[in-house]
C-alpha atoms as a PDB file:
ATOM      1  CA  UNK A   1     -29.558  34.284  12.111  1.00  0.00           C
ATOM      2  CA  UNK A   2     -33.085  34.037  11.149  1.00  0.00           C
ATOM      3  CA  UNK A   3     -34.184  30.811  12.874  1.00  0.00           C
ATOM      4  CA  UNK A   4     -38.154  30.983  13.604  1.00  0.00           C
ATOM      5  CA  UNK A   5     -40.862  29.263  15.346  1.00  0.00           C
ATOM      6  CA  UNK A   6     -44.376  29.511  15.540  1.00  0.00           C
ATOM      7  CA  UNK A   7     -45.664  30.624  18.739  1.00  0.00           C
ATOM      8  CA  UNK A   8     -48.653  27.789  20.293  1.00  0.00           C
ATOM      9  CA  UNK A   9     -52.069  29.369  19.726  1.00  0.00           C
ATOM     10  CA  UNK A  10     -50.586  32.112  17.719  1.00  0.00           C
ATOM     11  CA  UNK A  11     -50.750  31.632  13.427  1.00  0.00           C
ATOM     12  CA  UNK A  12     -49.731  35.011  12.091  1.00  0.00           C
ATOM     13  CA  UNK A  13     -46.379  35.880  12.117  1.00  0.00           C
ATOM     14  CA  UNK A  14     -43.475  33.362  13.362  1.00  0.00           C
ATOM     15  CA  UNK A  15     -41.095  34.274  16.415  1.00  0.00           C
ATOM     16  CA  UNK A  16     -37.582  35.416  15.523  1.00  0.00           C
ATOM     17  CA  UNK A  17     -34.547  35.542  17.349  1.00  0.00           C
ATOM     18  CA  UNK A  18     -34.533  39.532  16.678  1.00  0.00           C
ATOM     19  CA  UNK A  19     -37.992  39.279  18.986  1.00  0.00           C
ATOM     20  CA  UNK A  20     -36.492  37.384  21.792  1.00  0.00           C
ATOM     21  CA  UNK A  21     -33.458  40.075  21.565  1.00  0.00           C
ATOM     22  CA  UNK A  22     -35.236  43.218  21.811  1.00  0.00           C
ATOM     23  CA  UNK A  23     -37.866  41.659  24.503  1.00  0.00           C
ATOM     24  CA  UNK A  24     -34.888  41.571  26.949  1.00  0.00           C
ATOM     25  CA  UNK A  25     -32.351  44.172  25.735  1.00  0.00           C
ATOM     26  CA  UNK A  26     -29.688  42.153  24.315  1.00  0.00           C
ATOM     27  CA  UNK A  27     -28.379  41.283  21.177  1.00  0.00           C
ATOM     28  CA  UNK A  28     -29.107  38.518  18.054  1.00  0.00           C
ATOM     29  CA  UNK A  29     -25.665  37.428  18.454  1.00  0.00           C
ATOM     30  CA  UNK A  30     -26.537  36.528  22.078  1.00  0.00           C
ATOM     31  CA  UNK A  31     -29.486  34.530  21.709  1.00  0.00           C
ATOM     32  CA  UNK A  32     -27.852  32.978  18.798  1.00  0.00           C
ATOM     33  CA  UNK A  33     -25.139  31.615  21.474  1.00  0.00           C
ATOM     34  CA  UNK A  34     -27.313  30.465  23.895  1.00  0.00           C
ATOM     35  CA  UNK A  35     -29.459  28.256  21.023  1.00  0.00           C
ATOM     36  CA  UNK A  36     -25.993  27.114  20.050  1.00  0.00           C
ATOM     37  CA  UNK A  37     -25.347  26.060  23.695  1.00  0.00           C
ATOM     38  CA  UNK A  38     -22.022  27.884  23.211  1.00  0.00           C
ATOM     39  CA  UNK A  39     -20.307  28.550  26.834  1.00  0.00           C
ATOM     40  CA  UNK A  40     -19.261  32.339  25.712  1.00  0.00           C
ATOM     41  CA  UNK A  41     -22.595  33.605  27.545  1.00  0.00           C
ATOM     42  CA  UNK A  42     -22.729  34.466  31.486  1.00  0.00           C
ATOM     43  CA  UNK A  43     -25.158  32.432  33.701  1.00  0.00           C
ATOM     44  CA  UNK A  44     -27.645  35.463  34.594  1.00  0.00           C
ATOM     45  CA  UNK A  45     -27.196  35.799  31.033  1.00  0.00           C
ATOM     46  CA  UNK A  46     -28.284  32.821  29.655  1.00  0.00           C
ATOM     47  CA  UNK A  47     -31.362  32.122  32.375  1.00  0.00           C
ATOM     48  CA  UNK A  48     -33.022  35.344  30.872  1.00  0.00           C
ATOM     49  CA  UNK A  49     -32.572  34.360  27.868  1.00  0.00           C
ATOM     50  CA  UNK A  50     -33.858  30.769  27.868  1.00  0.00           C
ATOM     51  CA  UNK A  51     -36.470  32.130  30.572  1.00  0.00           C
ATOM     52  CA  UNK A  52     -37.657  34.143  27.242  1.00  0.00           C
ATOM     53  CA  UNK A  53     -37.343  31.485  24.331  1.00  0.00           C
ATOM     54  CA  UNK A  54     -39.892  29.645  26.917  1.00  0.00           C
ATOM     55  CA  UNK A  55     -42.283  32.815  27.073  1.00  0.00           C
ATOM     56  CA  UNK A  56     -42.531  33.128  23.721  1.00  0.00           C
ATOM     57  CA  UNK A  57     -42.525  29.330  23.065  1.00  0.00           C
ATOM     58  CA  UNK A  58     -39.664  29.945  20.407  1.00  0.00           C
ATOM     59  CA  UNK A  59     -38.544  26.516  18.925  1.00  0.00           C
ATOM     60  CA  UNK A  60     -35.048  26.095  17.676  1.00  0.00           C
ATOM     61  CA  UNK A  61     -35.323  24.837  13.726  1.00  0.00           C
ATOM     62  CA  UNK A  62     -32.304  23.170  14.093  1.00  0.00           C
ATOM     63  CA  UNK A  63     -31.827  21.801  10.543  1.00  0.00           C
ATOM     64  CA  UNK A  64     -32.230  25.384   9.024  1.00  0.00           C
ATOM     65  CA  UNK A  65     -29.235  26.462  10.862  1.00  0.00           C
ATOM     66  CA  UNK A  66     -27.328  23.163   9.973  1.00  0.00           C
ATOM     67  CA  UNK A  67     -28.294  23.655   6.525  1.00  0.00           C
ATOM     68  CA  UNK A  68     -26.770  27.835   6.871  1.00  0.00           C
ATOM     69  CA  UNK A  69     -23.720  26.759   8.540  1.00  0.00           C
ATOM     70  CA  UNK A  70     -23.031  23.669   7.179  1.00  0.00           C
ATOM     71  CA  UNK A  71     -22.609  21.884  10.495  1.00  0.00           C
ATOM     72  CA  UNK A  72     -24.413  19.430  11.838  1.00  0.00           C
ATOM     73  CA  UNK A  73     -24.841  17.385  15.265  1.00  0.00           C
ATOM     74  CA  UNK A  74     -25.528  14.011  13.634  1.00  0.00           C
ATOM     75  CA  UNK A  75     -23.647  11.388  11.795  1.00  0.00           C
ATOM     76  CA  UNK A  76     -25.266   9.218   9.419  1.00  0.00           C
ATOM     77  CA  UNK A  77     -24.609   5.046   9.234  1.00  0.00           C
ATOM     78  CA  UNK A  78     -25.761   3.302   6.887  1.00  0.00           C
ATOM     79  CA  UNK A  79     -24.852  -0.708   6.365  1.00  0.00           C
ATOM     80  CA  UNK A  80     -25.926  -3.447   3.844  1.00  0.00           C
ATOM     81  CA  UNK A  81     -26.791  -6.181   6.594  1.00  0.00           C
ATOM     82  CA  UNK A  82     -28.613  -5.093   9.996  1.00  0.00           C
ATOM     83  CA  UNK A  83     -29.544  -8.758  10.908  1.00  0.00           C
ATOM     84  CA  UNK A  84     -25.702  -9.594  10.661  1.00  0.00           C
ATOM     85  CA  UNK A  85     -23.943  -9.400  14.469  1.00  0.00           C
ATOM     86  CA  UNK A  86     -21.097  -8.256  12.661  1.00  0.00           C
ATOM     87  CA  UNK A  87     -22.803  -4.903  11.956  1.00  0.00           C
ATOM     88  CA  UNK A  88     -24.294  -4.599  15.397  1.00  0.00           C
ATOM     89  CA  UNK A  89     -21.264  -4.410  17.185  1.00  0.00           C
ATOM     90  CA  UNK A  90     -19.893  -2.485  14.444  1.00  0.00           C
ATOM     91  CA  UNK A  91     -22.723   0.095  14.702  1.00  0.00           C
ATOM     92  CA  UNK A  92     -22.305  -0.273  18.183  1.00  0.00           C
ATOM     93  CA  UNK A  93     -18.647   1.323  18.376  1.00  0.00           C
ATOM     94  CA  UNK A  94     -19.222   3.602  15.464  1.00  0.00           C
ATOM     95  CA  UNK A  95     -21.837   5.354  18.180  1.00  0.00           C
ATOM     96  CA  UNK A  96     -19.798   5.000  21.114  1.00  0.00           C
ATOM     97  CA  UNK A  97     -17.047   6.798  19.460  1.00  0.00           C
ATOM     98  CA  UNK A  98     -19.430   9.926  17.660  1.00  0.00           C
ATOM     99  CA  UNK A  99     -21.131   9.629  20.922  1.00  0.00           C
ATOM    100  CA  UNK A 100     -17.800  10.737  23.013  1.00  0.00           C
ATOM    101  CA  UNK A 101     -17.351  13.520  20.553  1.00  0.00           C
ATOM    102  CA  UNK A 102     -21.010  14.679  20.935  1.00  0.00           C
ATOM    103  CA  UNK A 103     -22.760  13.626  18.082  1.00  0.00           C
ATOM    104  CA  UNK A 104     -25.797  11.585  17.190  1.00  0.00           C
ATOM    105  CA  UNK A 105     -25.378   9.101  15.006  1.00  0.00           C
ATOM    106  CA  UNK A 106     -28.993   8.780  12.380  1.00  0.00           C
ATOM    107  CA  UNK A 107     -28.956   4.653  11.282  1.00  0.00           C
ATOM    108  CA  UNK A 108     -30.364   3.054   8.429  1.00  0.00           C
ATOM    109  CA  UNK A 109     -30.056  -0.335   6.810  1.00  0.00           C
ATOM    110  CA  UNK A 110     -30.525  -1.043   3.108  1.00  0.00           C
ATOM    111  CA  UNK A 111     -30.950  -5.053   2.952  1.00  0.00           C
ATOM    112  CA  UNK A 112     -28.100  -5.436   0.502  1.00  0.00           C
ATOM    113  CA  UNK A 113     -30.826  -3.203  -2.507  1.00  0.00           C
ATOM    114  CA  UNK A 114     -29.564  -0.438  -4.090  1.00  0.00           C
ATOM    115  CA  UNK A 115     -32.425   0.812  -4.598  1.00  0.00           C
ATOM    116  CA  UNK A 116     -33.923   0.936  -0.746  1.00  0.00           C
ATOM    117  CA  UNK A 117     -30.233   2.499  -0.451  1.00  0.00           C
ATOM    118  CA  UNK A 118     -30.749   5.391  -2.426  1.00  0.00           C
ATOM    119  CA  UNK A 119     -34.010   5.996  -0.528  1.00  0.00           C
ATOM    120  CA  UNK A 120     -32.411   5.509   3.008  1.00  0.00           C
ATOM    121  CA  UNK A 121     -29.517   8.081   1.764  1.00  0.00           C
ATOM    122  CA  UNK A 122     -32.378  10.637   0.836  1.00  0.00           C
ATOM    123  CA  UNK A 123     -34.324  10.228   3.394  1.00  0.00           C
ATOM    124  CA  UNK A 124     -31.009  10.478   5.727  1.00  0.00           C
ATOM    125  CA  UNK A 125     -29.278  13.499   3.675  1.00  0.00           C
ATOM    126  CA  UNK A 126     -32.700  15.719   4.362  1.00  0.00           C
ATOM    127  CA  UNK A 127     -31.451  15.907   8.193  1.00  0.00           C
ATOM    128  CA  UNK A 128     -27.962  17.362   6.776  1.00  0.00           C
ATOM    129  CA  UNK A 129     -26.016  15.015   8.801  1.00  0.00           C
ATOM    130  CA  UNK A 130     -22.263  16.398   9.137  1.00  0.00           C
ATOM    131  CA  UNK A 131     -21.144  13.205   7.933  1.00  0.00           C
ATOM    132  CA  UNK A 132     -22.000   9.505   6.355  1.00  0.00           C
ATOM    133  CA  UNK A 133     -20.532   6.234   7.345  1.00  0.00           C
ATOM    134  CA  UNK A 134     -21.717   4.065   4.154  1.00  0.00           C
ATOM    135  CA  UNK A 135     -21.203  -0.419   4.031  1.00  0.00           C
ATOM    136  CA  UNK A 136     -23.063  -0.217   0.642  1.00  0.00           C
ATOM    137  CA  UNK A 137     -24.879  -2.838  -0.954  1.00  0.00           C
ATOM    138  CA  UNK A 138     -23.673  -5.015  -3.269  1.00  0.00           C
ATOM    139  CA  UNK A 139     -24.322  -3.873  -6.624  1.00  0.00           C
ATOM    140  CA  UNK A 140     -23.751  -0.172  -5.745  1.00  0.00           C
ATOM    141  CA  UNK A 141     -22.698   2.359  -8.260  1.00  0.00           C
ATOM    142  CA  UNK A 142     -20.710   5.693  -7.256  1.00  0.00           C
ATOM    143  CA  UNK A 143     -22.609   7.725  -9.354  1.00  0.00           C
ATOM    144  CA  UNK A 144     -26.027   7.136  -8.545  1.00  0.00           C
ATOM    145  CA  UNK A 145     -24.267   7.923  -4.950  1.00  0.00           C
ATOM    146  CA  UNK A 146     -22.917  11.088  -5.976  1.00  0.00           C
ATOM    147  CA  UNK A 147     -26.649  12.177  -7.185  1.00  0.00           C
ATOM    148  CA  UNK A 148     -28.086  11.958  -3.654  1.00  0.00           C
ATOM    149  CA  UNK A 149     -25.031  12.742  -1.365  1.00  0.00           C
ATOM    150  CA  UNK A 150     -23.696  15.788  -3.652  1.00  0.00           C
ATOM    151  CA  UNK A 151     -19.956  16.245  -4.766  1.00  0.00           C
ATOM    152  CA  UNK A 152     -18.990  17.595  -1.335  1.00  0.00           C
ATOM    153  CA  UNK A 153     -20.170  15.138   0.986  1.00  0.00           C
ATOM    154  CA  UNK A 154     -18.234  13.785   4.242  1.00  0.00           C
ATOM    155  CA  UNK A 155     -18.408  10.390   3.383  1.00  0.00           C
ATOM    156  CA  UNK A 156     -16.610   6.910   4.448  1.00  0.00           C
ATOM    157  CA  UNK A 157     -16.828   3.830   2.984  1.00  0.00           C
ATOM    158  CA  UNK A 158     -16.377   0.453   4.934  1.00  0.00           C
ATOM    159  CA  UNK A 159     -15.288  -2.369   3.452  1.00  0.00           C
ATOM    160  CA  UNK A 160     -16.987  -2.304  -0.674  1.00  0.00           C
ATOM    161  CA  UNK A 161     -15.602  -0.116  -2.620  1.00  0.00           C
ATOM    162  CA  UNK A 162     -18.098   0.524  -5.732  1.00  0.00           C
ATOM    163  CA  UNK A 163     -16.023   1.565  -8.780  1.00  0.00           C
ATOM    164  CA  UNK A 164     -15.220   4.703  -9.465  1.00  0.00           C
ATOM    165  CA  UNK A 165     -15.478   5.907  -5.981  1.00  0.00           C
ATOM    166  CA  UNK A 166     -13.329   8.428  -4.412  1.00  0.00           C
ATOM    167  CA  UNK A 167     -13.988   8.696  -1.070  1.00  0.00           C
ATOM    168  CA  UNK A 168     -12.077   7.757   2.521  1.00  0.00           C
ATOM    169  CA  UNK A 169     -12.454   3.803   2.646  1.00  0.00           C
ATOM    170  CA  UNK A 170     -11.742   1.871   5.048  1.00  0.00           C
ATOM    171  CA  UNK A 171     -11.249  -2.319   4.449  1.00  0.00           C
ATOM    172  CA  UNK A 172     -10.662  -5.028   6.442  1.00  0.00           C
ATOM    173  CA  UNK A 173      -7.591  -7.478   4.591  1.00  0.00           C
ATOM    174  CA  UNK A 174     -10.094  -9.647   2.548  1.00  0.00           C
ATOM    175  CA  UNK A 175      -7.023 -10.983   0.311  1.00  0.00           C
ATOM    176  CA  UNK A 176      -4.788 -11.932   3.756  1.00  0.00           C
ATOM    177  CA  UNK A 177      -7.482 -12.932   5.518  1.00  0.00           C
ATOM    178  CA  UNK A 178      -8.937 -15.802   2.826  1.00  0.00           C
ATOM    179  CA  UNK A 179      -5.669 -16.715   2.207  1.00  0.00           C
ATOM    180  CA  UNK A 180      -4.622 -17.346   5.801  1.00  0.00           C
ATOM    181  CA  UNK A 181      -8.207 -19.942   5.999  1.00  0.00           C
ATOM    182  CA  UNK A 182      -7.515 -21.156   2.846  1.00  0.00           C
ATOM    183  CA  UNK A 183      -3.411 -22.090   3.845  1.00  0.00           C
ATOM    184  CA  UNK A 184      -4.997 -23.745   7.499  1.00  0.00           C
ATOM    185  CA  UNK A 185      -6.949 -26.126   5.566  1.00  0.00           C
ATOM    186  CA  UNK A 186      -4.424 -27.683   3.179  1.00  0.00           C
ATOM    187  CA  UNK A 187      -2.334 -27.159   6.211  1.00  0.00           C
ATOM    188  CA  UNK A 188      -4.912 -29.685   8.233  1.00  0.00           C
ATOM    189  CA  UNK A 189      -4.741 -31.858   4.831  1.00  0.00           C
ATOM    190  CA  UNK A 190      -7.368 -31.020   2.761  1.00  0.00           C
ATOM    191  CA  UNK A 191      -7.136 -30.648  -1.011  1.00  0.00           C
ATOM    192  CA  UNK A 192     -10.339 -30.326  -1.992  1.00  0.00           C
ATOM    193  CA  UNK A 193     -11.729 -26.849  -0.952  1.00  0.00           C
ATOM    194  CA  UNK A 194     -14.364 -24.819  -2.122  1.00  0.00           C
ATOM    195  CA  UNK A 195     -15.202 -21.019  -1.479  1.00  0.00           C
ATOM    196  CA  UNK A 196     -18.642 -20.453  -0.679  1.00  0.00           C
ATOM    197  CA  UNK A 197     -20.818 -17.819  -0.251  1.00  0.00           C
ATOM    198  CA  UNK A 198     -20.663 -14.436  -1.090  1.00  0.00           C
ATOM    199  CA  UNK A 199     -20.894 -12.591  -4.681  1.00  0.00           C
ATOM    200  CA  UNK A 200     -18.586 -12.594  -7.209  1.00  0.00           C
ATOM    201  CA  UNK A 201     -19.158  -9.044  -8.170  1.00  0.00           C
ATOM    202  CA  UNK A 202     -18.725  -7.394  -4.684  1.00  0.00           C
ATOM    203  CA  UNK A 203     -15.325  -5.909  -3.897  1.00  0.00           C
ATOM    204  CA  UNK A 204     -15.019  -7.873  -0.675  1.00  0.00           C
ATOM    205  CA  UNK A 205     -15.910 -11.249  -1.939  1.00  0.00           C
ATOM    206  CA  UNK A 206     -13.523 -10.687  -5.044  1.00  0.00           C
ATOM    207  CA  UNK A 207     -11.225 -10.009  -2.507  1.00  0.00           C
ATOM    208  CA  UNK A 208     -11.369 -12.829  -0.458  1.00  0.00           C
ATOM    209  CA  UNK A 209     -11.202 -15.299  -3.477  1.00  0.00           C
ATOM    210  CA  UNK A 210      -7.945 -13.867  -4.513  1.00  0.00           C
ATOM    211  CA  UNK A 211      -6.375 -14.777  -1.200  1.00  0.00           C
ATOM    212  CA  UNK A 212      -8.359 -18.475  -1.773  1.00  0.00           C
ATOM    213  CA  UNK A 213      -6.557 -18.540  -4.737  1.00  0.00           C
ATOM    214  CA  UNK A 214      -3.225 -17.525  -3.612  1.00  0.00           C
ATOM    215  CA  UNK A 215      -3.051 -19.670  -1.570  1.00  0.00           C
ATOM    216  CA  UNK A 216      -4.482 -22.675  -3.683  1.00  0.00           C
ATOM    217  CA  UNK A 217      -1.779 -21.758  -6.490  1.00  0.00           C
ATOM    218  CA  UNK A 218       1.112 -21.880  -3.685  1.00  0.00           C
ATOM    219  CA  UNK A 219       0.311 -25.163  -2.488  1.00  0.00           C
ATOM    220  CA  UNK A 220      -0.051 -26.008  -6.747  1.00  0.00           C
ATOM    221  CA  UNK A 221      -3.534 -26.572  -6.834  1.00  0.00           C
ATOM    222  CA  UNK A 222      -5.971 -24.663  -9.144  1.00  0.00           C
ATOM    223  CA  UNK A 223      -9.502 -23.014  -8.260  1.00  0.00           C
ATOM    224  CA  UNK A 224     -12.139 -25.828  -9.207  1.00  0.00           C
ATOM    225  CA  UNK A 225     -14.963 -23.825 -11.371  1.00  0.00           C
ATOM    226  CA  UNK A 226     -17.906 -26.247  -9.296  1.00  0.00           C
ATOM    227  CA  UNK A 227     -16.476 -25.115  -5.872  1.00  0.00           C
ATOM    228  CA  UNK A 228     -17.222 -21.501  -6.078  1.00  0.00           C
ATOM    229  CA  UNK A 229     -20.978 -21.355  -4.696  1.00  0.00           C
ATOM    230  CA  UNK A 230     -22.495 -18.100  -4.612  1.00  0.00           C
ATOM    231  CA  UNK A 231     -25.185 -16.944  -1.744  1.00  0.00           C
ATOM    232  CA  UNK A 232     -26.544 -13.829  -0.223  1.00  0.00           C
ATOM    233  CA  UNK A 233     -24.224 -13.282   2.654  1.00  0.00           C
ATOM    234  CA  UNK A 234     -26.507 -14.256   5.313  1.00  0.00           C
ATOM    235  CA  UNK A 235     -27.620 -17.724   7.430  1.00  0.00           C
ATOM    236  CA  UNK A 236     -30.570 -19.158   5.762  1.00  0.00           C
ATOM    237  CA  UNK A 237     -29.303 -18.456   1.631  1.00  0.00           C
ATOM    238  CA  UNK A 238     -26.039 -20.138   3.016  1.00  0.00           C
ATOM    239  CA  UNK A 239     -28.117 -23.383   4.403  1.00  0.00           C
ATOM    240  CA  UNK A 240     -29.980 -23.460   1.280  1.00  0.00           C
ATOM    241  CA  UNK A 241     -27.042 -23.687  -1.203  1.00  0.00           C
ATOM    242  CA  UNK A 242     -25.231 -26.517   0.736  1.00  0.00           C
ATOM    243  CA  UNK A 243     -26.357 -29.326  -1.225  1.00  0.00           C
ATOM    244  CA  UNK A 244     -24.395 -27.636  -4.172  1.00  0.00           C
ATOM    245  CA  UNK A 245     -21.102 -28.237  -2.601  1.00  0.00           C
ATOM    246  CA  UNK A 246     -22.060 -32.019  -3.069  1.00  0.00           C
ATOM    247  CA  UNK A 247     -23.838 -32.037  -6.537  1.00  0.00           C
ATOM    248  CA  UNK A 248     -20.510 -33.505  -8.401  1.00  0.00           C
ATOM    249  CA  UNK A 249     -18.053 -35.661  -7.882  1.00  0.00           C
ATOM    250  CA  UNK A 250     -15.375 -35.160  -6.278  1.00  0.00           C
ATOM    251  CA  UNK A 251     -17.168 -33.334  -3.384  1.00  0.00           C
ATOM    252  CA  UNK A 252     -14.901 -30.870  -1.320  1.00  0.00           C
ATOM    253  CA  UNK A 253     -13.765 -31.648   2.276  1.00  0.00           C
ATOM    254  CA  UNK A 254     -13.364 -28.254   3.720  1.00  0.00           C
ATOM    255  CA  UNK A 255     -14.964 -24.677   2.754  1.00  0.00           C
ATOM    256  CA  UNK A 256     -13.569 -21.342   3.280  1.00  0.00           C
ATOM    257  CA  UNK A 257     -16.763 -18.810   3.533  1.00  0.00           C
ATOM    258  CA  UNK A 258     -17.170 -15.514   2.454  1.00  0.00           C
ATOM    259  CA  UNK A 259     -18.244 -14.481   6.545  1.00  0.00           C
ATOM    260  CA  UNK A 260     -19.576 -16.035   9.953  1.00  0.00           C
ATOM    261  CA  UNK A 261     -22.831 -16.055   8.932  1.00  0.00           C
ATOM    262  CA  UNK A 262     -22.528 -17.807   5.818  1.00  0.00           C
ATOM    263  CA  UNK A 263     -20.367 -20.122   7.631  1.00  0.00           C
ATOM    264  CA  UNK A 264     -22.932 -21.081  10.121  1.00  0.00           C
ATOM    265  CA  UNK A 265     -25.734 -21.318   7.790  1.00  0.00           C
ATOM    266  CA  UNK A 266     -23.271 -23.764   6.154  1.00  0.00           C
ATOM    267  CA  UNK A 267     -22.642 -26.093   9.072  1.00  0.00           C
ATOM    268  CA  UNK A 268     -26.637 -26.008   9.614  1.00  0.00           C
ATOM    269  CA  UNK A 269     -26.830 -27.026   6.089  1.00  0.00           C
ATOM    270  CA  UNK A 270     -24.375 -29.683   6.654  1.00  0.00           C
ATOM    271  CA  UNK A 271     -25.646 -31.681   9.852  1.00  0.00           C
ATOM    272  CA  UNK A 272     -29.202 -31.901   8.022  1.00  0.00           C
ATOM    273  CA  UNK A 273     -27.270 -34.349   5.467  1.00  0.00           C
ATOM    274  CA  UNK A 274     -25.712 -35.818   8.383  1.00  0.00           C
ATOM    275  CA  UNK A 275     -22.694 -34.577   7.640  1.00  0.00           C
ATOM    276  CA  UNK A 276     -20.237 -33.815  10.740  1.00  0.00           C
ATOM    277  CA  UNK A 277     -18.940 -29.945  10.839  1.00  0.00           C
ATOM    278  CA  UNK A 278     -15.540 -30.263  12.015  1.00  0.00           C
ATOM    279  CA  UNK A 279     -15.408 -34.143  11.352  1.00  0.00           C
ATOM    280  CA  UNK A 280     -16.602 -34.869   8.300  1.00  0.00           C
ATOM    281  CA  UNK A 281     -16.122 -31.627   6.621  1.00  0.00           C
ATOM    282  CA  UNK A 282     -13.668 -28.118   7.198  1.00  0.00           C
ATOM    283  CA  UNK A 283     -15.355 -24.668   7.698  1.00  0.00           C
ATOM    284  CA  UNK A 284     -14.105 -21.273   8.496  1.00  0.00           C
ATOM    285  CA  UNK A 285     -15.485 -18.067   8.847  1.00  0.00           C
ATOM    286  CA  UNK A 286     -14.583 -14.209   8.357  1.00  0.00           C
ATOM    287  CA  UNK A 287     -15.372 -11.797  11.246  1.00  0.00           C
ATOM    288  CA  UNK A 288     -15.411 -13.433  14.553  1.00  0.00           C
ATOM    289  CA  UNK A 289     -18.350 -12.588  15.636  1.00  0.00           C
ATOM    290  CA  UNK A 290     -19.358 -13.004  19.101  1.00  0.00           C
ATOM    291  CA  UNK A 291     -21.812 -16.247  18.178  1.00  0.00           C
ATOM    292  CA  UNK A 292     -18.905 -17.652  16.586  1.00  0.00           C
ATOM    293  CA  UNK A 293     -16.446 -19.254  19.465  1.00  0.00           C
ATOM    294  CA  UNK A 294     -20.047 -21.080  21.169  1.00  0.00           C
ATOM    295  CA  UNK A 295     -21.186 -22.326  17.677  1.00  0.00           C
ATOM    296  CA  UNK A 296     -21.255 -25.983  17.802  1.00  0.00           C
ATOM    297  CA  UNK A 297     -18.673 -26.988  16.913  1.00  0.00           C
ATOM    298  CA  UNK A 298     -16.882 -23.634  17.896  1.00  0.00           C
ATOM    299  CA  UNK A 299     -16.058 -21.631  14.498  1.00  0.00           C
ATOM    300  CA  UNK A 300     -12.423 -21.057  12.907  1.00  0.00           C
ATOM    301  CA  UNK A 301     -12.689 -17.849  11.506  1.00  0.00           C
ATOM    302  CA  UNK A 302     -11.246 -14.188  11.104  1.00  0.00           C
ATOM    303  CA  UNK A 303     -11.145 -12.194  13.718  1.00  0.00           C
ATOM    304  CA  UNK A 304     -11.029  -8.143  12.790  1.00  0.00           C
ATOM    305  CA  UNK A 305     -12.622  -6.742  16.196  1.00  0.00           C
ATOM    306  CA  UNK A 306     -16.016  -5.450  14.520  1.00  0.00           C
ATOM    307  CA  UNK A 307     -16.616  -2.756  17.746  1.00  0.00           C
ATOM    308  CA  UNK A 308     -13.128  -1.868  17.072  1.00  0.00           C
ATOM    309  CA  UNK A 309     -13.768  -0.957  13.466  1.00  0.00           C
ATOM    310  CA  UNK A 310     -16.544   0.553  14.336  1.00  0.00           C
ATOM    311  CA  UNK A 311     -14.920   3.263  16.353  1.00  0.00           C
ATOM    312  CA  UNK A 312     -11.598   3.494  13.855  1.00  0.00           C
ATOM    313  CA  UNK A 313     -14.709   4.253  10.972  1.00  0.00           C
ATOM    314  CA  UNK A 314     -15.691   6.892  13.283  1.00  0.00           C
ATOM    315  CA  UNK A 315     -12.400   8.469  14.038  1.00  0.00           C
ATOM    316  CA  UNK A 316     -11.670   8.380  10.270  1.00  0.00           C
ATOM    317  CA  UNK A 317     -15.045  10.122   9.336  1.00  0.00           C
ATOM    318  CA  UNK A 318     -14.105  13.091  12.290  1.00  0.00           C
ATOM    319  CA  UNK A 319     -10.832  13.707  11.055  1.00  0.00           C
ATOM    320  CA  UNK A 320     -12.520  13.905   7.648  1.00  0.00           C
ATOM    321  CA  UNK A 321     -14.919  17.027   9.134  1.00  0.00           C
ATOM    322  CA  UNK A 322     -11.398  18.242  10.431  1.00  0.00           C
ATOM    323  CA  UNK A 323     -10.047  18.668   7.140  1.00  0.00           C
ATOM    324  CA  UNK A 324     -12.333  17.726   4.513  1.00  0.00           C
ATOM    325  CA  UNK A 325     -10.558  19.294   1.912  1.00  0.00           C
ATOM    326  CA  UNK A 326      -7.723  16.165   2.335  1.00  0.00           C
ATOM    327  CA  UNK A 327      -7.182  13.833  -0.048  1.00  0.00           C
ATOM    328  CA  UNK A 328      -9.328  10.777   0.241  1.00  0.00           C
ATOM    329  CA  UNK A 329      -7.534   8.016   2.042  1.00  0.00           C
ATOM    330  CA  UNK A 330      -7.733   4.149   2.228  1.00  0.00           C
ATOM    331  CA  UNK A 331      -7.095   2.771   5.482  1.00  0.00           C
ATOM    332  CA  UNK A 332      -6.645  -1.682   5.726  1.00  0.00           C
ATOM    333  CA  UNK A 333      -7.470  -3.086   9.324  1.00  0.00           C
ATOM    334  CA  UNK A 334      -5.327  -6.251   9.823  1.00  0.00           C
ATOM    335  CA  UNK A 335      -7.254  -9.752  10.480  1.00  0.00           C
ATOM    336  CA  UNK A 336      -5.841 -12.466  12.481  1.00  0.00           C
ATOM    337  CA  UNK A 337      -6.798 -16.548  12.256  1.00  0.00           C
ATOM    338  CA  UNK A 338      -8.271 -17.987  15.122  1.00  0.00           C
ATOM    339  CA  UNK A 339      -8.584 -21.109  14.875  1.00  0.00           C
ATOM    340  CA  UNK A 340     -11.305 -23.579  16.721  1.00  0.00           C
ATOM    341  CA  UNK A 341     -12.776 -27.223  16.417  1.00  0.00           C
ATOM    342  CA  UNK A 342     -14.874 -26.401  12.837  1.00  0.00           C
ATOM    343  CA  UNK A 343     -11.659 -26.599  10.816  1.00  0.00           C
ATOM    344  CA  UNK A 344     -10.616 -30.194  11.501  1.00  0.00           C
ATOM    345  CA  UNK A 345      -8.472 -32.531   9.216  1.00  0.00           C
ATOM    346  CA  UNK A 346      -9.238 -34.639   6.608  1.00  0.00           C
ATOM    347  CA  UNK A 347     -11.706 -37.536   7.776  1.00  0.00           C
ATOM    348  CA  UNK A 348     -10.361 -40.854   7.853  1.00  0.00           C
END
């Protein structure tokens, strides 16, 4: 082990593990074990080594050690939208599970920008994390991700899968969730149902649109192109796009929304038009963030338990660290429809 540190006040030569070992008559291996926090060193010897480390003002270069041992006590978590409450809860779950195993979480956010994502990943990889949990930005390219991550990185993708990706993948049951929401609205008597929010080239949005179309087809209805409204998956843009639902006749009476943030934004947009969500127009979301239950009206949504999904993502990544040569694993997390007041029946 060749970790070095320059003592304060000395500019000539960096202190080495050998210097520490020779000063107190122990082996270099013993000093290395103390630096790594190993329990194999007895208390008295550990105290002597630590005292000498302090005396010579040695600073452990953890990054260099990680590169040599190809291990790290950190895991990177990169999410696409830190402003979305879903990801705040998801990140909490990741951090809880990793912390319980002695790992520190390095957090980055891309703001749905593939360019920003490359910059964030490049910076985080300089810290040589043991692994990465990534919720890709819309428009991500697997080949570009490999350029910055390398071919041997321990990676878990969450809920979006760029074409050509071959890493572990944890996804929500997007198609089934949107199917359940659409079928629920049909059972409430709605015939003109929009799909609102998200971008069609996102894998998760594509899957949710498939579930929406499946439920319509089973009910003998076709997808109406004018009722497929795209927006960034956030509240502000969803509110701004609300008028597009009413641009052409006939207008829809309900909308299956890409996620809860979009649904809450749509309800704000409806209210600004004098349209009462849950009474004049039915709305469903996807995620069941904490705010969904206390919205006005409370939001019908697909509950996915984001904190638990975060813990699950961390556990899957830890499995990958234990078995780095195993084949990529795909895991689908179930969803359940939670009915609240926002999805009322067709207005009389």
